[in-house]
N, C-alpha and C. Protein backbone atom coordinates (compact mmCIF):
# COMPACT_ATOMS: atom_id res chain seq x y z
N MET A 1 -39.17 60.28 101.89
CA MET A 1 -38.91 61.76 101.08
C MET A 1 -37.04 61.61 101.37
N ALA A 2 -36.51 60.92 102.64
CA ALA A 2 -35.07 61.42 103.25
C ALA A 2 -34.35 60.03 102.12
N VAL A 3 -35.04 58.94 102.06
CA VAL A 3 -34.30 57.83 101.11
C VAL A 3 -34.57 58.27 99.77
N LEU A 4 -35.52 58.89 99.16
CA LEU A 4 -35.29 59.75 97.70
C LEU A 4 -34.59 60.49 97.39
N ALA A 5 -34.09 61.39 98.41
CA ALA A 5 -32.82 62.82 98.45
C ALA A 5 -31.63 61.49 98.01
N TRP A 6 -31.36 60.61 99.17
CA TRP A 6 -29.97 59.91 99.14
C TRP A 6 -30.20 59.08 97.91
N LEU A 7 -31.21 58.46 97.19
CA LEU A 7 -30.82 57.76 95.96
C LEU A 7 -30.50 58.90 94.87
N LEU A 8 -31.00 59.84 95.31
CA LEU A 8 -31.20 61.04 94.00
C LEU A 8 -29.42 61.59 93.66
N ILE A 9 -28.72 61.83 94.99
CA ILE A 9 -27.61 62.44 94.96
C ILE A 9 -26.51 61.63 93.77
N PRO A 10 -26.40 60.36 94.45
CA PRO A 10 -25.78 59.85 93.67
C PRO A 10 -26.21 59.70 91.97
N LEU A 11 -27.06 59.84 91.79
CA LEU A 11 -27.99 59.37 90.39
C LEU A 11 -27.25 60.82 89.53
N VAL A 12 -27.31 62.04 90.30
CA VAL A 12 -27.19 63.63 89.73
C VAL A 12 -25.56 63.57 89.71
N ALA A 13 -24.77 63.22 90.76
CA ALA A 13 -23.37 62.77 90.37
C ALA A 13 -22.90 62.05 89.48
N ALA A 14 -23.64 60.71 89.02
CA ALA A 14 -23.12 60.34 87.77
C ALA A 14 -23.57 60.85 86.68
N VAL A 15 -24.46 61.64 86.32
CA VAL A 15 -25.21 62.14 85.25
C VAL A 15 -24.14 63.17 85.06
N ALA A 16 -23.81 63.89 86.17
CA ALA A 16 -22.52 65.32 86.01
C ALA A 16 -21.56 64.79 85.84
N ALA A 17 -21.17 63.44 86.05
CA ALA A 17 -19.41 63.01 85.87
C ALA A 17 -19.99 62.77 84.33
N GLY A 18 -20.69 62.07 83.92
CA GLY A 18 -20.78 61.79 82.35
C GLY A 18 -21.14 62.78 81.61
N LEU A 19 -21.34 63.95 81.83
CA LEU A 19 -21.27 64.85 81.24
C LEU A 19 -20.09 66.14 80.95
N TRP A 20 -19.32 65.91 81.95
CA TRP A 20 -18.11 66.42 82.19
C TRP A 20 -17.10 65.53 81.36
N GLY A 21 -17.35 63.99 81.55
CA GLY A 21 -16.60 63.48 80.58
C GLY A 21 -16.84 63.59 78.84
N SER A 22 -17.86 63.88 78.86
CA SER A 22 -17.83 64.24 77.27
C SER A 22 -17.59 65.35 76.58
N TRP A 23 -17.68 66.18 77.78
CA TRP A 23 -17.06 67.38 77.22
C TRP A 23 -15.86 67.44 77.76
N ALA A 24 -14.95 66.49 78.40
CA ALA A 24 -13.67 66.66 78.65
C ALA A 24 -12.71 65.94 77.25
N ASN A 25 -13.83 64.86 76.75
CA ASN A 25 -13.53 63.83 75.69
C ASN A 25 -13.73 65.12 73.95
N ARG A 26 -14.15 66.16 74.28
CA ARG A 26 -15.07 66.49 72.65
C ARG A 26 -13.63 66.72 71.72
N THR A 27 -14.34 66.82 70.55
CA THR A 27 -13.02 67.09 69.58
C THR A 27 -12.52 68.59 69.66
N ARG A 28 -11.06 68.78 69.81
CA ARG A 28 -10.82 69.97 69.57
C ARG A 28 -10.11 70.31 68.19
N ARG A 29 -9.88 71.67 68.19
CA ARG A 29 -9.28 71.74 66.95
C ARG A 29 -7.99 71.18 66.69
N VAL A 30 -7.35 70.49 65.68
CA VAL A 30 -6.64 70.09 65.50
C VAL A 30 -5.26 70.47 65.20
N ARG A 31 -4.16 70.46 65.70
CA ARG A 31 -2.92 71.22 65.64
C ARG A 31 -2.08 70.61 65.37
N SER A 32 -0.82 71.08 64.43
CA SER A 32 0.18 70.35 64.01
C SER A 32 1.20 70.18 64.77
N ASP A 33 2.09 69.42 64.44
CA ASP A 33 3.19 69.31 65.43
C ASP A 33 4.69 70.42 65.14
N GLY A 34 3.97 70.94 63.86
CA GLY A 34 5.15 71.85 63.33
C GLY A 34 6.43 72.78 64.43
N PRO A 35 5.23 73.49 65.17
CA PRO A 35 6.16 74.31 65.80
C PRO A 35 6.94 73.82 66.89
N GLU A 36 6.42 72.65 67.63
CA GLU A 36 7.19 71.76 68.51
C GLU A 36 7.97 71.42 67.95
N LEU A 37 8.21 70.28 67.15
CA LEU A 37 9.28 69.88 66.09
C LEU A 37 10.64 71.11 66.13
N ASP A 38 9.94 72.41 65.67
CA ASP A 38 10.87 73.41 65.00
C ASP A 38 11.77 73.19 66.42
N GLY A 39 10.68 73.71 67.61
CA GLY A 39 11.83 73.89 69.01
C GLY A 39 12.65 72.89 69.27
N TYR A 40 11.99 71.88 69.25
CA TYR A 40 12.76 70.39 69.62
C TYR A 40 14.30 70.25 68.78
N ALA A 41 13.93 70.83 67.20
CA ALA A 41 15.26 70.76 66.40
C ALA A 41 16.41 71.86 67.09
N ARG A 42 15.93 73.23 67.54
CA ARG A 42 16.82 74.09 67.57
C ARG A 42 17.06 73.53 69.05
N PHE A 43 16.71 72.74 69.80
CA PHE A 43 17.22 72.41 71.44
C PHE A 43 18.34 71.36 70.96
N ARG A 44 17.89 70.24 70.10
CA ARG A 44 19.03 69.37 69.87
C ARG A 44 20.21 70.40 69.01
N GLU A 45 20.20 71.19 68.30
CA GLU A 45 21.40 71.55 67.79
C GLU A 45 22.01 72.54 68.71
N ALA A 46 21.64 72.93 69.41
CA ALA A 46 21.92 73.69 70.74
C ALA A 46 23.00 72.60 71.74
N MET A 47 22.15 71.49 72.13
CA MET A 47 22.96 70.44 72.81
C MET A 47 23.79 70.19 72.20
N GLU A 48 24.11 69.53 71.19
CA GLU A 48 25.05 69.09 70.22
C GLU A 48 26.30 70.09 70.00
N LYS A 49 25.99 71.41 69.96
CA LYS A 49 27.24 72.80 69.93
C LYS A 49 27.84 72.18 71.14
N LYS A 50 27.20 72.09 72.36
CA LYS A 50 27.50 72.66 73.49
C LYS A 50 28.51 70.98 74.00
N SER A 51 27.97 69.73 73.48
CA SER A 51 28.62 68.75 73.92
C SER A 51 29.90 68.27 73.26
N HIS A 52 30.17 69.30 71.90
CA HIS A 52 31.10 68.93 71.26
C HIS A 52 32.64 70.22 71.42
N SER A 53 32.15 70.92 72.66
CA SER A 53 33.35 72.00 72.81
C SER A 53 34.15 71.45 73.55
N GLY A 54 34.21 70.09 74.13
CA GLY A 54 34.98 69.33 74.82
C GLY A 54 34.45 69.34 76.16
N ALA A 55 35.11 68.57 77.06
CA ALA A 55 34.85 68.83 78.47
C ALA A 55 35.85 69.59 79.15
N PRO A 56 35.30 70.35 80.08
CA PRO A 56 36.44 71.48 80.66
C PRO A 56 37.38 70.51 81.76
N GLY A 57 38.43 70.89 81.73
CA GLY A 57 39.81 70.14 82.51
C GLY A 57 40.01 68.80 82.22
N ALA A 58 39.29 68.44 80.64
CA ALA A 58 40.11 67.23 80.43
C ALA A 58 41.47 67.20 79.37
């Protein structure tokens, strides 16, 4: 009986890992990159404004 328990532990772990893997790779709702790209554009504009103001002490 003990041998059967030691054989079932890895089997149960493998099944659990397979279920978790399929759950982790499930299809999620697709979201566009619009808000992220808008935020990045604002960030770039702010950085360009700061870099064109001139270096202090130069």
